[in-house]
């Protein structure tokens, strides 16, 4: 998506993923750098808060501080 940003008007990236539980920001993961890069050029990374049914936490990668978790 990042490499296509000059060819297309991309407003957001939608990810519907489920991963491990996270009770704090998971900014040490490699995905944080990618999400920050997208945000820096105006592309909103919108990520599902969790498809695993967690009720007390987010799942990875929605826990990244650059993610817009929904």
PDB file of N, CA and C in Angstrom:
ATOM      1  N   UNK A   1       0.828  -1.193   0.000  1.00  0.00           N
ATOM      2  CA  UNK A   1       0.000   0.000   0.000  1.00  0.00           C
ATOM      3  C   UNK A   1       0.871   1.254   0.000  1.00  0.00           C
ATOM      4  N   UNK A   2       1.884   1.248   0.856  1.00  0.00           N
ATOM      5  CA  UNK A   2       2.769   2.416   0.931  1.00  0.00           C
ATOM      6  C   UNK A   2       3.400   2.707  -0.428  1.00  0.00           C
ATOM      7  N   UNK A   3       3.835   1.679  -1.124  1.00  0.00           N
ATOM      8  CA  UNK A   3       4.488   1.881  -2.419  1.00  0.00           C
ATOM      9  C   UNK A   3       3.509   2.332  -3.502  1.00  0.00           C
ATOM     10  N   UNK A   4       2.229   2.138  -3.293  1.00  0.00           N
ATOM     11  CA  UNK A   4       1.208   2.546  -4.268  1.00  0.00           C
ATOM     12  C   UNK A   4       0.617   3.920  -3.968  1.00  0.00           C
ATOM     13  N   UNK A   5       1.067   4.572  -2.900  1.00  0.00           N
ATOM     14  CA  UNK A   5       0.460   5.823  -2.446  1.00  0.00           C
ATOM     15  C   UNK A   5       0.522   6.939  -3.477  1.00  0.00           C
ATOM     16  N   UNK A   6       1.499   6.925  -4.361  1.00  0.00           N
ATOM     17  CA  UNK A   6       1.603   7.973  -5.375  1.00  0.00           C
ATOM     18  C   UNK A   6       0.807   7.649  -6.632  1.00  0.00           C
ATOM     19  N   UNK A   7       0.409   6.402  -6.789  1.00  0.00           N
ATOM     20  CA  UNK A   7      -0.377   5.991  -7.949  1.00  0.00           C
ATOM     21  C   UNK A   7      -1.881   6.068  -7.697  1.00  0.00           C
ATOM     22  N   UNK A   8      -2.283   5.943  -6.433  1.00  0.00           N
ATOM     23  CA  UNK A   8      -3.696   5.933  -6.063  1.00  0.00           C
ATOM     24  C   UNK A   8      -3.913   6.828  -4.857  1.00  0.00           C
ATOM     25  N   UNK A   9      -5.105   7.377  -4.732  1.00  0.00           N
ATOM     26  CA  UNK A   9      -5.472   8.142  -3.544  1.00  0.00           C
ATOM     27  C   UNK A   9      -5.985   7.148  -2.503  1.00  0.00           C
ATOM     28  N   UNK A  10      -5.125   6.767  -1.600  1.00  0.00           N
ATOM     29  CA  UNK A  10      -5.471   5.775  -0.587  1.00  0.00           C
ATOM     30  C   UNK A  10      -5.682   6.500   0.732  1.00  0.00           C
ATOM     31  N   UNK A  11      -6.865   6.372   1.279  1.00  0.00           N
ATOM     32  CA  UNK A  11      -7.192   7.038   2.545  1.00  0.00           C
ATOM     33  C   UNK A  11      -6.972   6.131   3.742  1.00  0.00           C
ATOM     34  N   UNK A  12      -7.178   4.830   3.548  1.00  0.00           N
ATOM     35  CA  UNK A  12      -7.103   3.915   4.684  1.00  0.00           C
ATOM     36  C   UNK A  12      -6.746   2.506   4.236  1.00  0.00           C
ATOM     37  N   UNK A  13      -6.230   1.763   5.188  1.00  0.00           N
ATOM     38  CA  UNK A  13      -5.979   0.339   5.021  1.00  0.00           C
ATOM     39  C   UNK A  13      -6.806  -0.350   6.087  1.00  0.00           C
ATOM     40  N   UNK A  14      -7.589  -1.343   5.695  1.00  0.00           N
ATOM     41  CA  UNK A  14      -8.444  -2.055   6.634  1.00  0.00           C
ATOM     42  C   UNK A  14      -7.902  -3.465   6.831  1.00  0.00           C
ATOM     43  N   UNK A  15      -7.573  -3.777   8.083  1.00  0.00           N
ATOM     44  CA  UNK A  15      -7.070  -5.105   8.406  1.00  0.00           C
ATOM     45  C   UNK A  15      -8.015  -5.763   9.393  1.00  0.00           C
ATOM     46  N   UNK A  16      -8.429  -6.958   9.085  1.00  0.00           N
ATOM     47  CA  UNK A  16      -9.273  -7.724   9.998  1.00  0.00           C
ATOM     48  C   UNK A  16      -8.498  -8.965  10.400  1.00  0.00           C
ATOM     49  N   UNK A  17      -7.750  -8.812  11.474  1.00  0.00           N
ATOM     50  CA  UNK A  17      -6.846  -9.865  11.918  1.00  0.00           C
ATOM     51  C   UNK A  17      -7.123 -10.217  13.364  1.00  0.00           C
ATOM     52  N   UNK A  18      -6.688 -11.342  13.768  1.00  0.00           N
ATOM     53  CA  UNK A  18      -6.748 -11.743  15.165  1.00  0.00           C
ATOM     54  C   UNK A  18      -5.411 -12.332  15.558  1.00  0.00           C
ATOM     55  N   UNK A  19      -4.948 -11.951  16.711  1.00  0.00           N
ATOM     56  CA  UNK A  19      -3.657 -12.452  17.171  1.00  0.00           C
ATOM     57  C   UNK A  19      -3.663 -12.598  18.676  1.00  0.00           C
ATOM     58  N   UNK A  20      -2.479 -12.569  19.231  1.00  0.00           N
ATOM     59  CA  UNK A  20      -2.347 -12.740  20.672  1.00  0.00           C
ATOM     60  C   UNK A  20      -2.933 -11.560  21.436  1.00  0.00           C
ATOM     61  N   UNK A  21      -3.291 -11.782  22.698  1.00  0.00           N
ATOM     62  CA  UNK A  21      -3.831 -10.731  23.561  1.00  0.00           C
ATOM     63  C   UNK A  21      -2.753  -9.714  23.880  1.00  0.00           C
ATOM     64  N   UNK A  22      -3.171  -8.454  23.962  1.00  0.00           N
ATOM     65  CA  UNK A  22      -2.250  -7.391  24.359  1.00  0.00           C
ATOM     66  C   UNK A  22      -2.981  -6.465  25.323  1.00  0.00           C
ATOM     67  N   UNK A  23      -2.404  -6.273  26.484  1.00  0.00           N
ATOM     68  CA  UNK A  23      -2.994  -5.400  27.488  1.00  0.00           C
ATOM     69  C   UNK A  23      -2.347  -4.019  27.477  1.00  0.00           C
ATOM     70  N   UNK A  24      -1.260  -3.880  26.729  1.00  0.00           N
ATOM     71  CA  UNK A  24      -0.583  -2.588  26.567  1.00  0.00           C
ATOM     72  C   UNK A  24      -0.216  -2.425  25.098  1.00  0.00           C
ATOM     73  N   UNK A  25       0.266  -1.244  24.749  1.00  0.00           N
ATOM     74  CA  UNK A  25       0.672  -1.003  23.361  1.00  0.00           C
ATOM     75  C   UNK A  25       1.789  -1.968  22.967  1.00  0.00           C
ATOM     76  N   UNK A  26       1.695  -2.485  21.774  1.00  0.00           N
ATOM     77  CA  UNK A  26       2.686  -3.458  21.284  1.00  0.00           C
ATOM     78  C   UNK A  26       3.624  -2.781  20.281  1.00  0.00           C
ATOM     79  N   UNK A  27       4.180  -1.658  20.691  1.00  0.00           N
ATOM     80  CA  UNK A  27       4.986  -0.847  19.780  1.00  0.00           C
ATOM     81  C   UNK A  27       6.380  -1.382  19.509  1.00  0.00           C
ATOM     82  N   UNK A  28       6.785  -2.446  20.170  1.00  0.00           N
ATOM     83  CA  UNK A  28       8.092  -3.028  19.894  1.00  0.00           C
ATOM     84  C   UNK A  28       8.031  -4.018  18.741  1.00  0.00           C
ATOM     85  N   UNK A  29       6.846  -4.301  18.255  1.00  0.00           N
ATOM     86  CA  UNK A  29       6.673  -5.235  17.134  1.00  0.00           C
ATOM     87  C   UNK A  29       7.007  -4.529  15.819  1.00  0.00           C
ATOM     88  N   UNK A  30       7.499  -5.250  14.828  1.00  0.00           N
ATOM     89  CA  UNK A  30       7.833  -4.646  13.530  1.00  0.00           C
ATOM     90  C   UNK A  30       6.648  -3.953  12.852  1.00  0.00           C
ATOM     91  N   UNK A  31       5.433  -4.406  13.110  1.00  0.00           N
ATOM     92  CA  UNK A  31       4.260  -3.803  12.472  1.00  0.00           C
ATOM     93  C   UNK A  31       4.097  -2.334  12.846  1.00  0.00           C
ATOM     94  N   UNK A  32       4.566  -1.931  14.025  1.00  0.00           N
ATOM     95  CA  UNK A  32       4.436  -0.542  14.457  1.00  0.00           C
ATOM     96  C   UNK A  32       5.140   0.398  13.480  1.00  0.00           C
ATOM     97  N   UNK A  33       6.321   0.022  13.027  1.00  0.00           N
ATOM     98  CA  UNK A  33       7.064   0.854  12.076  1.00  0.00           C
ATOM     99  C   UNK A  33       6.277   1.019  10.779  1.00  0.00           C
ATOM    100  N   UNK A  34       5.683  -0.054  10.307  1.00  0.00           N
ATOM    101  CA  UNK A  34       4.901  -0.013   9.066  1.00  0.00           C
ATOM    102  C   UNK A  34       3.670   0.870   9.238  1.00  0.00           C
ATOM    103  N   UNK A  35       2.972   0.704  10.349  1.00  0.00           N
ATOM    104  CA  UNK A  35       1.776   1.508  10.591  1.00  0.00           C
ATOM    105  C   UNK A  35       2.127   2.980  10.739  1.00  0.00           C
ATOM    106  N   UNK A  36       3.218   3.281  11.401  1.00  0.00           N
ATOM    107  CA  UNK A  36       3.668   4.672  11.544  1.00  0.00           C
ATOM    108  C   UNK A  36       4.018   5.275  10.189  1.00  0.00           C
ATOM    109  N   UNK A  37       4.621   4.469   9.340  1.00  0.00           N
ATOM    110  CA  UNK A  37       4.972   4.935   7.998  1.00  0.00           C
ATOM    111  C   UNK A  37       3.708   5.283   7.209  1.00  0.00           C
ATOM    112  N   UNK A  38       2.688   4.448   7.315  1.00  0.00           N
ATOM    113  CA  UNK A  38       1.418   4.739   6.642  1.00  0.00           C
ATOM    114  C   UNK A  38       0.796   6.022   7.188  1.00  0.00           C
ATOM    115  N   UNK A  39       0.769   6.166   8.503  1.00  0.00           N
ATOM    116  CA  UNK A  39       0.191   7.365   9.114  1.00  0.00           C
ATOM    117  C   UNK A  39       0.938   8.621   8.678  1.00  0.00           C
ATOM    118  N   UNK A  40       2.257   8.519   8.512  1.00  0.00           N
ATOM    119  CA  UNK A  40       3.064   9.690   8.160  1.00  0.00           C
ATOM    120  C   UNK A  40       2.731  10.252   6.781  1.00  0.00           C
ATOM    121  N   UNK A  41       2.120   9.440   5.926  1.00  0.00           N
ATOM    122  CA  UNK A  41       1.731   9.909   4.595  1.00  0.00           C
ATOM    123  C   UNK A  41       0.215  10.035   4.462  1.00  0.00           C
ATOM    124  N   UNK A  42      -0.490  10.042   5.594  1.00  0.00           N
ATOM    125  CA  UNK A  42      -1.926  10.280   5.586  1.00  0.00           C
ATOM    126  C   UNK A  42      -2.796   9.079   5.294  1.00  0.00           C
ATOM    127  N   UNK A  43      -2.265   7.876   5.425  1.00  0.00           N
ATOM    128  CA  UNK A  43      -3.049   6.659   5.222  1.00  0.00           C
ATOM    129  C   UNK A  43      -3.377   6.087   6.601  1.00  0.00           C
ATOM    130  N   UNK A  44      -4.658   5.976   6.897  1.00  0.00           N
ATOM    131  CA  UNK A  44      -5.104   5.501   8.207  1.00  0.00           C
ATOM    132  C   UNK A  44      -5.121   3.981   8.255  1.00  0.00           C
ATOM    133  N   UNK A  45      -4.333   3.373   9.148  1.00  0.00           N
ATOM    134  CA  UNK A  45      -4.393   1.926   9.320  1.00  0.00           C
ATOM    135  C   UNK A  45      -5.499   1.557  10.312  1.00  0.00           C
ATOM    136  N   UNK A  46      -6.612   1.077   9.802  1.00  0.00           N
ATOM    137  CA  UNK A  46      -7.773   0.724  10.604  1.00  0.00           C
ATOM    138  C   UNK A  46      -7.745  -0.790  10.809  1.00  0.00           C
ATOM    139  N   UNK A  47      -7.672  -1.203  12.078  1.00  0.00           N
ATOM    140  CA  UNK A  47      -7.456  -2.619  12.371  1.00  0.00           C
ATOM    141  C   UNK A  47      -8.496  -3.111  13.371  1.00  0.00           C
ATOM    142  N   UNK A  48      -9.044  -4.266  13.094  1.00  0.00           N
ATOM    143  CA  UNK A  48     -10.021  -4.878  13.999  1.00  0.00           C
ATOM    144  C   UNK A  48      -9.400  -5.051  15.379  1.00  0.00           C
ATOM    145  N   UNK A  49     -10.157  -4.683  16.411  1.00  0.00           N
ATOM    146  CA  UNK A  49      -9.668  -4.781  17.788  1.00  0.00           C
ATOM    147  C   UNK A  49      -9.448  -6.227  18.205  1.00  0.00           C
ATOM    148  N   UNK A  50     -10.079  -7.131  17.517  1.00  0.00           N
ATOM    149  CA  UNK A  50      -9.868  -8.543  17.813  1.00  0.00           C
ATOM    150  C   UNK A  50     -10.962  -9.408  17.246  1.00  0.00           C
ATOM    151  N   UNK A  51     -10.583 -10.420  16.565  1.00  0.00           N
ATOM    152  CA  UNK A  51     -11.538 -11.383  16.027  1.00  0.00           C
ATOM    153  C   UNK A  51     -11.580 -12.648  16.871  1.00  0.00           C
ATOM    154  N   UNK A  52     -10.875 -12.611  18.001  1.00  0.00           N
ATOM    155  CA  UNK A  52     -10.814 -13.785  18.862  1.00  0.00           C
ATOM    156  C   UNK A  52     -11.824 -13.735  19.997  1.00  0.00           C
ATOM    157  N   UNK A  53     -12.570 -12.646  20.117  1.00  0.00           N
ATOM    158  CA  UNK A  53     -13.569 -12.539  21.166  1.00  0.00           C
ATOM    159  C   UNK A  53     -13.025 -12.097  22.513  1.00  0.00           C
ATOM    160  N   UNK A  54     -11.808 -11.520  22.542  1.00  0.00           N
ATOM    161  CA  UNK A  54     -11.266 -11.019  23.802  1.00  0.00           C
ATOM    162  C   UNK A  54     -12.134  -9.868  24.300  1.00  0.00           C
ATOM    163  N   UNK A  55     -12.486  -9.858  25.555  1.00  0.00           N
ATOM    164  CA  UNK A  55     -13.327  -8.780  26.086  1.00  0.00           C
ATOM    165  C   UNK A  55     -12.548  -7.813  26.967  1.00  0.00           C
ATOM    166  N   UNK A  56     -11.345  -8.167  27.364  1.00  0.00           N
ATOM    167  CA  UNK A  56     -10.564  -7.317  28.267  1.00  0.00           C
ATOM    168  C   UNK A  56      -9.263  -6.816  27.638  1.00  0.00           C
ATOM    169  N   UNK A  57      -9.072  -7.039  26.347  1.00  0.00           N
ATOM    170  CA  UNK A  57      -7.819  -6.643  25.708  1.00  0.00           C
ATOM    171  C   UNK A  57      -8.009  -6.474  24.206  1.00  0.00           C
ATOM    172  N   UNK A  58      -6.998  -5.918  23.572  1.00  0.00           N
ATOM    173  CA  UNK A  58      -6.939  -5.860  22.115  1.00  0.00           C
ATOM    174  C   UNK A  58      -6.116  -7.041  21.641  1.00  0.00           C
ATOM    175  N   UNK A  59      -6.241  -7.339  20.373  1.00  0.00           N
ATOM    176  CA  UNK A  59      -5.369  -8.364  19.825  1.00  0.00           C
ATOM    177  C   UNK A  59      -4.314  -7.702  18.948  1.00  0.00           C
ATOM    178  N   UNK A  60      -3.259  -8.406  18.729  1.00  0.00           N
ATOM    179  CA  UNK A  60      -2.174  -7.954  17.883  1.00  0.00           C
ATOM    180  C   UNK A  60      -2.665  -7.964  16.450  1.00  0.00           C
ATOM    181  N   UNK A  61      -2.525  -6.989  15.614  1.00  0.00           N
ATOM    182  CA  UNK A  61      -1.738  -5.776  15.707  1.00  0.00           C
ATOM    183  C   UNK A  61      -2.538  -4.522  16.085  1.00  0.00           C
ATOM    184  N   UNK A  62      -3.800  -4.667  16.471  1.00  0.00           N
ATOM    185  CA  UNK A  62      -4.592  -3.496  16.849  1.00  0.00           C
ATOM    186  C   UNK A  62      -4.032  -2.780  18.069  1.00  0.00           C
ATOM    187  N   UNK A  63      -3.163  -3.452  18.812  1.00  0.00           N
ATOM    188  CA  UNK A  63      -2.568  -2.873  20.015  1.00  0.00           C
ATOM    189  C   UNK A  63      -1.470  -1.849  19.702  1.00  0.00           C
ATOM    190  N   UNK A  64      -1.029  -1.754  18.473  1.00  0.00           N
ATOM    191  CA  UNK A  64       0.013  -0.782  18.104  1.00  0.00           C
ATOM    192  C   UNK A  64      -0.552   0.633  18.238  1.00  0.00           C
ATOM    193  N   UNK A  65       0.236   1.532  18.770  1.00  0.00           N
ATOM    194  CA  UNK A  65      -0.262   2.892  19.008  1.00  0.00           C
ATOM    195  C   UNK A  65      -0.561   3.648  17.726  1.00  0.00           C
ATOM    196  N   UNK A  66       0.004   3.244  16.606  1.00  0.00           N
ATOM    197  CA  UNK A  66      -0.293   3.900  15.323  1.00  0.00           C
ATOM    198  C   UNK A  66      -1.543   3.336  14.651  1.00  0.00           C
ATOM    199  N   UNK A  67      -2.087   2.267  15.196  1.00  0.00           N
ATOM    200  CA  UNK A  67      -3.291   1.659  14.646  1.00  0.00           C
ATOM    201  C   UNK A  67      -4.538   2.407  15.114  1.00  0.00           C
ATOM    202  N   UNK A  68      -5.543   2.420  14.283  1.00  0.00           N
ATOM    203  CA  UNK A  68      -6.865   2.884  14.683  1.00  0.00           C
ATOM    204  C   UNK A  68      -7.654   1.603  14.904  1.00  0.00           C
ATOM    205  N   UNK A  69      -7.815   1.238  16.148  1.00  0.00           N
ATOM    206  CA  UNK A  69      -8.483  -0.040  16.448  1.00  0.00           C
ATOM    207  C   UNK A  69      -9.980   0.161  16.519  1.00  0.00           C
ATOM    208  N   UNK A  70     -10.695  -0.753  15.885  1.00  0.00           N
ATOM    209  CA  UNK A  70     -12.169  -0.681  15.876  1.00  0.00           C
ATOM    210  C   UNK A  70     -12.761  -2.005  16.277  1.00  0.00           C
TER     211      UNK A  70
END
